[in-house]
N, C-alpha and C. Protein backbone atom coordinates (compact mmCIF):
# COMPACT_ATOMS: atom_id res chain seq x y z
N MET A 1 -134.04 -67.02 70.96
CA MET A 1 -135.32 -66.60 69.81
C MET A 1 -135.97 -67.69 69.72
N ARG A 2 -137.41 -67.83 69.82
CA ARG A 2 -137.99 -68.78 69.65
C ARG A 2 -138.54 -69.16 68.33
N PHE A 3 -139.05 -70.45 67.91
CA PHE A 3 -139.37 -70.75 66.67
C PHE A 3 -140.25 -70.09 65.97
N ASN A 4 -141.50 -69.42 66.78
CA ASN A 4 -142.37 -68.54 66.12
C ASN A 4 -141.63 -67.41 65.49
N ASP A 5 -140.81 -66.79 66.29
CA ASP A 5 -140.24 -65.34 65.90
C ASP A 5 -139.00 -65.77 65.00
N ARG A 6 -138.88 -66.82 64.73
CA ARG A 6 -137.43 -67.22 63.80
C ARG A 6 -138.48 -67.35 62.55
N LEU A 7 -139.51 -67.93 62.46
CA LEU A 7 -140.57 -68.43 61.31
C LEU A 7 -140.89 -67.03 60.79
N LYS A 8 -141.31 -66.15 61.61
CA LYS A 8 -141.95 -64.79 61.56
C LYS A 8 -140.81 -63.76 60.50
N ARG A 9 -139.44 -64.08 60.79
CA ARG A 9 -138.24 -63.37 60.02
C ARG A 9 -137.83 -64.08 58.99
N ALA A 10 -138.05 -65.40 58.72
CA ALA A 10 -138.07 -66.01 57.96
C ALA A 10 -139.02 -65.83 56.69
N LEU A 11 -140.09 -65.32 56.96
CA LEU A 11 -141.30 -65.46 56.51
C LEU A 11 -141.10 -63.72 55.95
N ALA A 12 -140.93 -63.18 56.37
CA ALA A 12 -140.26 -61.48 56.14
C ALA A 12 -139.63 -61.38 55.08
N VAL A 13 -138.23 -62.19 55.32
CA VAL A 13 -136.96 -61.91 54.20
C VAL A 13 -137.90 -62.79 52.95
N ALA A 14 -138.78 -63.91 53.03
CA ALA A 14 -139.18 -64.36 51.86
C ALA A 14 -139.83 -63.45 51.09
N ALA A 15 -140.64 -62.52 52.07
CA ALA A 15 -141.87 -61.80 51.15
C ALA A 15 -140.87 -60.51 50.56
N LEU A 16 -140.13 -60.00 51.39
CA LEU A 16 -139.32 -59.04 50.56
C LEU A 16 -138.35 -59.44 49.42
N ALA A 17 -138.17 -60.71 49.38
CA ALA A 17 -137.31 -61.49 48.19
C ALA A 17 -138.56 -61.26 47.23
N VAL A 18 -139.70 -61.57 47.05
CA VAL A 18 -140.74 -61.82 46.29
C VAL A 18 -141.10 -60.49 45.76
N VAL A 19 -141.30 -59.36 46.56
CA VAL A 19 -141.68 -58.29 46.58
C VAL A 19 -140.28 -57.27 45.45
N SER A 20 -139.46 -57.63 46.15
CA SER A 20 -138.36 -57.00 45.35
C SER A 20 -138.14 -57.67 43.72
N SER A 21 -138.41 -59.37 43.88
CA SER A 21 -138.23 -59.62 42.33
C SER A 21 -139.29 -58.96 41.43
N TRP A 22 -140.43 -58.54 42.11
CA TRP A 22 -141.76 -57.89 41.19
C TRP A 22 -141.35 -56.15 40.98
N PHE A 23 -140.59 -55.87 41.54
CA PHE A 23 -140.28 -54.51 41.32
C PHE A 23 -139.05 -54.18 40.45
N GLY A 24 -138.08 -55.58 40.34
CA GLY A 24 -136.97 -55.36 39.84
C GLY A 24 -136.04 -55.18 40.47
N PRO A 25 -134.59 -55.05 39.76
CA PRO A 25 -133.28 -55.03 40.41
C PRO A 25 -133.17 -53.68 41.08
N ASN A 26 -134.14 -52.71 40.76
CA ASN A 26 -133.97 -51.35 41.32
C ASN A 26 -134.07 -51.03 42.95
N LEU A 27 -134.98 -52.33 43.39
CA LEU A 27 -135.58 -52.38 44.74
C LEU A 27 -134.46 -53.07 45.62
N VAL A 28 -133.28 -52.67 46.32
CA VAL A 28 -132.22 -53.72 46.72
C VAL A 28 -132.33 -53.00 48.33
N THR A 29 -132.64 -53.77 49.68
CA THR A 29 -132.30 -53.11 50.65
C THR A 29 -130.79 -53.42 50.88
N PRO A 30 -130.38 -52.62 51.85
CA PRO A 30 -128.81 -52.87 52.40
C PRO A 30 -128.43 -54.49 52.97
N ALA A 31 -129.54 -54.83 53.49
CA ALA A 31 -129.54 -56.10 54.42
C ALA A 31 -129.35 -57.58 53.16
N LEU A 32 -130.06 -57.06 51.90
CA LEU A 32 -130.05 -58.24 51.09
C LEU A 32 -128.61 -57.82 50.08
N ALA A 33 -127.94 -56.94 49.99
CA ALA A 33 -127.04 -56.34 48.78
C ALA A 33 -125.75 -56.83 49.20
N GLN A 34 -124.99 -57.52 48.35
CA GLN A 34 -123.47 -58.32 48.53
C GLN A 34 -122.48 -57.32 48.04
N LEU A 35 -121.22 -57.43 48.93
CA LEU A 35 -120.35 -56.56 48.48
C LEU A 35 -119.57 -57.26 47.29
N LYS A 36 -119.31 -56.28 46.71
CA LYS A 36 -118.43 -56.78 45.24
C LYS A 36 -117.37 -55.72 45.09
N GLY A 37 -116.13 -56.25 44.56
CA GLY A 37 -114.91 -55.37 44.47
C GLY A 37 -114.07 -56.36 43.52
N THR A 38 -112.91 -55.58 43.10
CA THR A 38 -112.10 -55.73 42.18
C THR A 38 -110.71 -55.40 42.65
N GLN A 39 -109.93 -56.26 42.58
CA GLN A 39 -108.60 -56.20 43.07
C GLN A 39 -107.64 -55.74 41.89
N THR A 40 -106.96 -54.65 42.15
CA THR A 40 -106.49 -53.84 41.01
C THR A 40 -104.85 -53.68 41.20
N GLU A 41 -104.37 -54.12 42.28
CA GLU A 41 -103.10 -54.16 42.86
C GLU A 41 -102.52 -55.59 43.31
N GLY A 42 -101.32 -56.08 42.93
CA GLY A 42 -100.80 -57.21 43.43
C GLY A 42 -99.76 -56.97 44.72
N THR A 43 -99.23 -58.48 45.07
CA THR A 43 -98.14 -58.28 46.14
C THR A 43 -96.60 -58.03 44.91
N ILE A 44 -96.03 -57.04 45.63
CA ILE A 44 -94.96 -56.87 45.13
C ILE A 44 -93.79 -57.88 45.83
N THR A 45 -92.97 -58.22 45.25
CA THR A 45 -91.74 -59.12 45.55
C THR A 45 -90.89 -58.17 45.35
N PRO A 46 -90.18 -58.09 46.59
CA PRO A 46 -89.11 -57.13 46.74
C PRO A 46 -87.83 -57.61 45.92
N ILE A 47 -87.19 -56.59 45.37
CA ILE A 47 -85.73 -56.68 44.58
C ILE A 47 -84.64 -57.59 45.38
N PRO A 48 -84.19 -58.44 45.12
CA PRO A 48 -82.84 -59.05 45.88
C PRO A 48 -81.94 -58.32 45.26
N ILE A 49 -81.11 -57.63 46.34
CA ILE A 49 -80.02 -56.82 46.10
C ILE A 49 -79.21 -57.23 46.77
N ALA A 50 -77.69 -57.03 46.43
CA ALA A 50 -76.48 -57.30 47.13
C ALA A 50 -75.47 -56.02 47.36
N ILE A 51 -75.68 -55.71 49.06
CA ILE A 51 -74.71 -54.70 49.23
C ILE A 51 -73.65 -55.23 50.37
N PRO A 52 -72.43 -55.54 49.64
CA PRO A 52 -71.41 -55.78 50.63
C PRO A 52 -70.91 -54.82 51.41
N VAL A 53 -69.97 -54.62 52.22
CA VAL A 53 -69.49 -53.76 52.89
C VAL A 53 -68.58 -52.95 52.45
N PHE A 54 -68.83 -51.75 52.32
CA PHE A 54 -68.21 -50.79 51.48
C PHE A 54 -66.48 -50.87 51.62
N LEU A 55 -65.85 -50.43 50.91
CA LEU A 55 -64.23 -50.40 51.16
C LEU A 55 -63.93 -49.08 51.50
N GLY A 56 -62.77 -48.93 52.30
CA GLY A 56 -62.21 -47.99 52.96
C GLY A 56 -61.37 -48.16 53.92
N ASP A 57 -60.17 -46.40 54.21
CA ASP A 57 -59.31 -46.77 54.90
C ASP A 57 -59.65 -47.21 56.58
N ASP A 58 -61.03 -46.47 56.95
CA ASP A 58 -61.65 -46.60 58.03
C ASP A 58 -62.94 -47.76 58.01
N ALA A 59 -62.41 -48.97 58.57
CA ALA A 59 -63.07 -50.10 57.82
C ALA A 59 -64.48 -49.86 58.75
N GLN A 60 -64.36 -49.23 60.23
CA GLN A 60 -65.54 -48.93 60.91
C GLN A 60 -66.71 -48.26 60.21
N LEU A 61 -66.27 -47.39 59.72
CA LEU A 61 -67.14 -45.91 59.03
C LEU A 61 -67.37 -46.91 57.71
N ALA A 62 -66.81 -47.09 56.98
CA ALA A 62 -67.35 -47.86 55.55
C ALA A 62 -68.32 -48.66 55.91
N GLY A 63 -68.41 -49.82 56.81
CA GLY A 63 -69.36 -50.72 57.42
C GLY A 63 -70.46 -49.98 57.84
N ASP A 64 -70.36 -49.02 58.74
CA ASP A 64 -71.58 -48.37 59.02
C ASP A 64 -72.22 -47.42 57.59
N VAL A 65 -71.53 -47.05 57.29
CA VAL A 65 -72.35 -46.55 55.87
C VAL A 65 -72.98 -47.74 54.96
N SER A 66 -72.30 -48.63 54.75
CA SER A 66 -72.91 -49.70 53.86
C SER A 66 -74.13 -50.11 54.71
N ASN A 67 -74.07 -50.20 55.92
CA ASN A 67 -75.31 -50.92 56.61
C ASN A 67 -76.53 -49.70 56.80
N VAL A 68 -75.98 -48.47 56.83
CA VAL A 68 -77.10 -47.42 56.50
C VAL A 68 -77.77 -47.53 55.08
N VAL A 69 -77.24 -47.83 54.32
CA VAL A 69 -77.60 -48.09 52.93
C VAL A 69 -78.43 -49.25 52.71
N GLN A 70 -77.91 -50.13 53.31
CA GLN A 70 -78.85 -51.42 53.56
C GLN A 70 -80.09 -51.54 54.28
N ALA A 71 -80.16 -50.88 55.21
CA ALA A 71 -81.41 -50.71 56.20
C ALA A 71 -82.47 -49.87 55.66
N ASP A 72 -81.99 -48.76 55.12
CA ASP A 72 -82.62 -48.07 54.31
C ASP A 72 -83.53 -48.58 53.04
N LEU A 73 -83.22 -49.39 52.46
CA LEU A 73 -83.63 -50.36 50.97
C LEU A 73 -84.23 -51.14 51.94
N GLU A 74 -83.87 -51.81 52.87
CA GLU A 74 -84.73 -52.92 53.34
C GLU A 74 -86.12 -52.13 53.80
N ARG A 75 -85.91 -51.15 54.77
CA ARG A 75 -87.31 -50.53 55.24
C ARG A 75 -88.33 -50.01 54.34
N SER A 76 -87.93 -49.80 52.81
CA SER A 76 -88.68 -49.53 52.09
C SER A 76 -89.97 -50.43 51.59
N GLY A 77 -89.33 -51.62 52.02
CA GLY A 77 -90.21 -52.84 51.74
C GLY A 77 -90.16 -53.49 49.99
N LEU A 78 -89.25 -52.34 49.20
CA LEU A 78 -89.16 -53.01 48.16
C LEU A 78 -87.97 -53.23 47.36
N PHE A 79 -87.18 -53.66 48.92
CA PHE A 79 -85.53 -54.59 48.22
C PHE A 79 -85.55 -55.21 49.39
N ARG A 80 -85.02 -56.82 49.38
CA ARG A 80 -84.64 -57.65 49.61
C ARG A 80 -82.85 -57.60 50.03
N PRO A 81 -82.38 -56.81 50.93
CA PRO A 81 -80.81 -57.15 50.59
C PRO A 81 -80.34 -58.57 51.24
N LEU A 82 -79.55 -59.32 50.27
CA LEU A 82 -79.01 -60.70 50.44
C LEU A 82 -78.19 -60.50 51.79
N ASP A 83 -78.21 -62.18 52.20
CA ASP A 83 -76.92 -62.14 53.43
C ASP A 83 -75.50 -61.92 53.01
N ARG A 84 -74.71 -60.89 53.70
CA ARG A 84 -73.27 -60.93 53.00
C ARG A 84 -72.59 -62.38 53.38
N ALA A 85 -72.80 -63.02 53.89
CA ALA A 85 -72.23 -64.54 54.21
C ALA A 85 -72.36 -65.51 52.82
N SER A 86 -73.70 -65.08 52.31
CA SER A 86 -73.42 -65.71 50.93
C SER A 86 -73.05 -65.21 49.80
N PHE A 87 -72.05 -64.09 49.90
CA PHE A 87 -71.60 -63.47 48.58
C PHE A 87 -70.08 -64.06 48.39
N LEU A 88 -70.05 -64.49 46.86
CA LEU A 88 -68.80 -65.53 46.50
C LEU A 88 -68.02 -64.58 46.23
N GLU A 89 -67.99 -63.41 45.57
CA GLU A 89 -66.99 -62.29 45.08
C GLU A 89 -66.79 -61.03 46.79
N GLN A 90 -65.32 -60.93 46.80
CA GLN A 90 -64.85 -60.13 47.45
C GLN A 90 -64.60 -58.99 46.93
N VAL A 91 -65.25 -57.98 46.97
CA VAL A 91 -65.16 -56.64 46.19
C VAL A 91 -64.16 -56.13 46.58
N ARG A 92 -62.95 -55.57 45.54
CA ARG A 92 -61.56 -55.10 46.16
C ARG A 92 -61.43 -53.62 45.48
N ASP A 93 -62.30 -53.65 44.24
CA ASP A 93 -61.83 -52.39 43.81
C ASP A 93 -63.40 -51.80 43.04
N VAL A 94 -63.95 -50.66 43.52
CA VAL A 94 -65.10 -50.15 43.11
C VAL A 94 -64.87 -49.83 41.96
N ASN A 95 -64.25 -49.12 41.16
CA ASN A 95 -64.14 -49.18 39.78
C ASN A 95 -64.01 -50.22 38.99
N ALA A 96 -63.74 -51.61 39.23
CA ALA A 96 -63.79 -52.63 38.20
C ALA A 96 -64.96 -53.29 38.51
N ALA A 97 -65.37 -53.98 37.26
CA ALA A 97 -66.41 -54.46 37.01
C ALA A 97 -66.82 -55.66 37.75
N PRO A 98 -67.79 -56.01 38.27
CA PRO A 98 -67.85 -57.26 39.45
C PRO A 98 -67.88 -58.50 38.36
N ARG A 99 -67.55 -59.63 39.07
CA ARG A 99 -68.04 -60.91 38.53
C ARG A 99 -69.43 -61.20 38.59
N PHE A 100 -70.01 -60.80 37.45
CA PHE A 100 -71.64 -61.39 37.32
C PHE A 100 -72.28 -62.52 37.77
N PRO A 101 -71.35 -63.69 36.75
CA PRO A 101 -71.88 -65.07 37.53
C PRO A 101 -72.03 -65.22 38.94
N ASP A 102 -70.77 -64.71 39.41
CA ASP A 102 -70.84 -64.90 40.83
C ASP A 102 -72.25 -64.34 41.93
N TRP A 103 -72.84 -63.17 41.21
CA TRP A 103 -73.67 -62.40 41.86
C TRP A 103 -75.03 -62.99 41.49
N ARG A 104 -75.25 -63.30 40.09
CA ARG A 104 -76.44 -64.25 39.65
C ARG A 104 -76.58 -65.29 40.13
N SER A 105 -75.51 -66.34 40.54
CA SER A 105 -75.85 -67.43 41.44
C SER A 105 -76.27 -67.29 42.75
N ILE A 106 -76.49 -66.47 43.02
CA ILE A 106 -77.07 -66.17 44.67
C ILE A 106 -78.29 -65.15 44.34
N GLN A 107 -79.01 -64.96 43.10
CA GLN A 107 -79.93 -64.82 42.97
C GLN A 107 -80.09 -62.84 43.09
N ALA A 108 -78.64 -62.28 42.70
CA ALA A 108 -78.96 -60.76 43.28
C ALA A 108 -79.36 -60.38 41.91
N GLU A 109 -80.47 -59.51 41.88
CA GLU A 109 -80.50 -58.53 40.72
C GLU A 109 -79.98 -57.38 40.33
N ALA A 110 -79.58 -57.01 41.70
CA ALA A 110 -78.86 -55.61 41.38
C ALA A 110 -77.58 -55.51 42.76
N LEU A 111 -76.58 -55.12 42.44
CA LEU A 111 -75.35 -54.91 43.47
C LEU A 111 -74.90 -53.37 43.61
N VAL A 112 -74.77 -53.36 44.76
CA VAL A 112 -74.10 -51.60 45.42
C VAL A 112 -72.75 -52.15 45.73
N VAL A 113 -71.92 -51.07 45.21
CA VAL A 113 -70.23 -51.64 45.93
C VAL A 113 -70.23 -50.00 46.11
N GLY A 114 -69.32 -49.65 46.92
CA GLY A 114 -68.97 -48.17 47.55
C GLY A 114 -67.55 -48.14 48.15
N ARG A 115 -67.13 -47.03 48.36
CA ARG A 115 -65.52 -46.51 48.76
C ARG A 115 -66.22 -45.40 49.82
N ILE A 116 -65.56 -45.55 51.06
CA ILE A 116 -65.83 -44.52 52.01
C ILE A 116 -64.26 -43.87 52.24
N VAL A 117 -64.19 -42.55 52.02
CA VAL A 117 -62.69 -41.88 52.27
C VAL A 117 -62.74 -41.19 53.46
N ASN A 118 -62.00 -41.00 54.37
CA ASN A 118 -62.10 -40.01 55.36
C ASN A 118 -60.55 -39.19 55.14
N ASP A 119 -60.81 -37.93 54.75
CA ASP A 119 -59.72 -37.30 54.08
C ASP A 119 -58.91 -36.78 55.19
N GLY A 120 -59.02 -36.99 56.35
CA GLY A 120 -58.50 -36.35 57.57
C GLY A 120 -58.26 -34.97 57.54
N SER A 121 -59.29 -34.00 57.06
CA SER A 121 -59.53 -33.06 57.47
C SER A 121 -60.84 -32.45 58.02
N GLY A 122 -61.41 -33.84 58.59
CA GLY A 122 -62.79 -33.86 58.80
C GLY A 122 -63.95 -33.96 57.99
N LYS A 123 -63.58 -34.51 56.66
CA LYS A 123 -64.42 -34.35 55.48
C LYS A 123 -64.40 -36.07 55.22
N VAL A 124 -65.76 -36.16 54.99
CA VAL A 124 -66.03 -37.64 54.25
C VAL A 124 -66.43 -37.79 53.14
N GLY A 125 -65.90 -38.58 52.26
CA GLY A 125 -65.96 -38.62 50.80
C GLY A 125 -66.48 -40.51 50.66
N ALA A 126 -67.44 -40.15 49.64
CA ALA A 126 -67.97 -41.56 49.51
C ALA A 126 -68.18 -41.44 47.64
N GLU A 127 -68.10 -43.04 47.17
CA GLU A 127 -68.27 -42.99 45.82
C GLU A 127 -69.00 -44.48 46.02
N PHE A 128 -69.88 -44.53 45.11
CA PHE A 128 -70.90 -45.92 44.94
C PHE A 128 -70.95 -46.13 43.34
N ARG A 129 -71.22 -47.31 43.16
CA ARG A 129 -71.96 -48.08 41.59
C ARG A 129 -73.06 -48.57 42.09
N LEU A 130 -73.91 -48.49 41.10
CA LEU A 130 -74.83 -49.56 41.15
C LEU A 130 -75.03 -50.34 39.85
N TRP A 131 -75.09 -51.51 40.28
CA TRP A 131 -75.17 -52.64 38.63
C TRP A 131 -76.10 -53.48 38.74
N ASP A 132 -76.53 -53.33 37.29
CA ASP A 132 -77.72 -54.27 37.06
C ASP A 132 -76.69 -55.71 36.88
N VAL A 133 -77.06 -56.94 37.63
CA VAL A 133 -76.42 -58.03 37.27
C VAL A 133 -76.85 -58.96 36.31
N ALA A 134 -78.19 -58.90 35.82
CA ALA A 134 -78.40 -59.40 34.84
C ALA A 134 -77.90 -58.94 33.75
N SER A 135 -77.91 -57.71 33.24
CA SER A 135 -76.87 -57.30 31.90
C SER A 135 -75.86 -56.73 31.99
N GLY A 136 -75.16 -56.69 33.28
CA GLY A 136 -73.98 -56.23 33.65
C GLY A 136 -73.59 -55.14 33.19
N LYS A 137 -74.38 -54.51 33.41
CA LYS A 137 -74.30 -52.94 33.19
C LYS A 137 -74.46 -52.03 34.63
N GLN A 138 -73.94 -50.97 34.48
CA GLN A 138 -74.06 -49.98 35.64
C GLN A 138 -74.97 -49.18 35.25
N LEU A 139 -75.73 -49.03 36.17
CA LEU A 139 -77.19 -48.18 36.65
C LEU A 139 -76.90 -46.82 37.04
N ALA A 140 -76.10 -46.89 37.74
CA ALA A 140 -75.59 -45.36 38.15
C ALA A 140 -74.26 -45.61 39.14
N GLY A 141 -73.87 -44.26 39.38
CA GLY A 141 -72.76 -44.05 39.98
C GLY A 141 -72.23 -42.29 40.58
N GLN A 142 -72.09 -42.49 41.69
CA GLN A 142 -71.85 -41.04 42.35
C GLN A 142 -70.84 -40.74 43.31
N ARG A 143 -70.71 -39.53 43.46
CA ARG A 143 -69.70 -39.26 44.54
C ARG A 143 -70.23 -38.01 45.30
N PHE A 144 -70.05 -38.56 46.49
CA PHE A 144 -70.76 -37.32 47.66
C PHE A 144 -69.30 -37.16 48.86
N SER A 145 -69.56 -35.94 49.19
CA SER A 145 -68.55 -35.50 50.22
C SER A 145 -69.20 -34.66 51.26
N THR A 146 -69.11 -34.61 52.69
CA THR A 146 -69.63 -34.07 53.75
C THR A 146 -68.55 -33.63 54.85
N ALA A 147 -68.89 -32.92 55.57
CA ALA A 147 -68.24 -33.04 57.43
C ALA A 147 -68.73 -34.47 57.72
N GLY A 148 -67.60 -34.67 58.34
CA GLY A 148 -67.53 -36.17 58.76
C GLY A 148 -68.60 -36.34 60.15
N GLN A 149 -68.92 -35.65 61.04
CA GLN A 149 -70.40 -35.66 61.86
C GLN A 149 -71.54 -35.95 60.69
N ASN A 150 -71.68 -35.75 59.62
CA ASN A 150 -72.41 -36.01 58.63
C ASN A 150 -72.45 -37.38 57.97
N TRP A 151 -71.80 -38.31 58.62
CA TRP A 151 -71.52 -39.82 57.52
C TRP A 151 -72.78 -40.05 57.38
N ARG A 152 -73.95 -40.53 58.09
CA ARG A 152 -74.90 -41.07 58.17
C ARG A 152 -75.78 -40.44 56.99
N ARG A 153 -75.97 -39.04 56.49
CA ARG A 153 -76.43 -38.40 55.01
C ARG A 153 -75.98 -39.40 54.35
N ILE A 154 -74.61 -39.72 53.89
CA ILE A 154 -73.69 -40.34 52.89
C ILE A 154 -74.52 -41.06 52.53
N GLY A 155 -74.84 -42.15 53.49
CA GLY A 155 -75.70 -43.56 53.64
C GLY A 155 -76.87 -43.31 52.79
N HIS A 156 -77.79 -42.30 53.79
CA HIS A 156 -79.09 -41.92 52.95
C HIS A 156 -79.20 -41.56 51.69
N LEU A 157 -78.13 -40.69 51.43
CA LEU A 157 -78.26 -40.34 49.73
C LEU A 157 -77.79 -41.55 48.90
N ILE A 158 -76.81 -42.34 49.11
CA ILE A 158 -76.53 -43.22 48.18
C ILE A 158 -77.82 -44.46 48.32
N ALA A 159 -78.49 -44.90 49.43
CA ALA A 159 -80.04 -45.50 49.49
C ALA A 159 -80.78 -44.61 48.38
N ASP A 160 -81.25 -43.22 48.77
CA ASP A 160 -82.15 -42.69 47.81
C ASP A 160 -81.80 -42.77 46.26
N SER A 161 -80.31 -42.58 46.15
CA SER A 161 -80.13 -42.87 44.46
C SER A 161 -80.19 -44.18 43.72
N VAL A 162 -79.96 -45.12 44.73
CA VAL A 162 -80.55 -46.79 44.19
C VAL A 162 -82.23 -46.75 44.11
N TYR A 163 -82.69 -46.42 45.41
CA TYR A 163 -84.20 -46.38 45.33
C TYR A 163 -84.79 -45.67 43.72
N GLU A 164 -84.17 -44.62 43.54
CA GLU A 164 -85.00 -43.94 42.80
C GLU A 164 -84.55 -44.67 41.23
N ARG A 165 -83.03 -44.67 41.18
CA ARG A 165 -82.68 -45.74 39.81
C ARG A 165 -83.64 -46.92 39.68
N LEU A 166 -83.70 -47.51 40.50
CA LEU A 166 -84.52 -48.77 40.73
C LEU A 166 -86.15 -48.94 40.23
N THR A 167 -86.38 -47.94 41.21
CA THR A 167 -88.20 -47.69 41.12
C THR A 167 -88.30 -46.77 40.10
N GLY A 168 -87.69 -46.14 39.95
CA GLY A 168 -88.13 -44.64 38.76
C GLY A 168 -89.04 -43.82 39.75
N GLU A 169 -89.00 -43.60 41.10
CA GLU A 169 -89.39 -42.67 41.82
C GLU A 169 -88.53 -41.96 42.60
């Protein structure tokens, strides 16, 4: 672009600014408009949650179900499962209250413990408890049962229950 062309363009923009100031703020061209916006939502920090490997006679099945729960919650983006290697307490009884100071020390805000039972007739049963680590209170606890080939469904149901209780959705 030559100097004269740039000068003509600059003069045109200046003239438009003068004319728009004469006619008030109602005369605004898209070229001179500025984008304005308001931020109404912030960044959500995922909830640190501890999900130890579930207990059960079939260690492989119990581990698989607890891994489904962990993966579902992590994929939601609202939860950050803690590294199992950092857990200080080894859960031995789903029905016993956990040692909350151990879970607080690793910054867990919630704890999910469970047990998977293969009843021998082709059915799989599960029970879980969700704990609020800060208050030391149980937030949820349920039992599920299904045909053995549907074991993944139990993991999804537990994850759904945890998600619903902690998010309210």
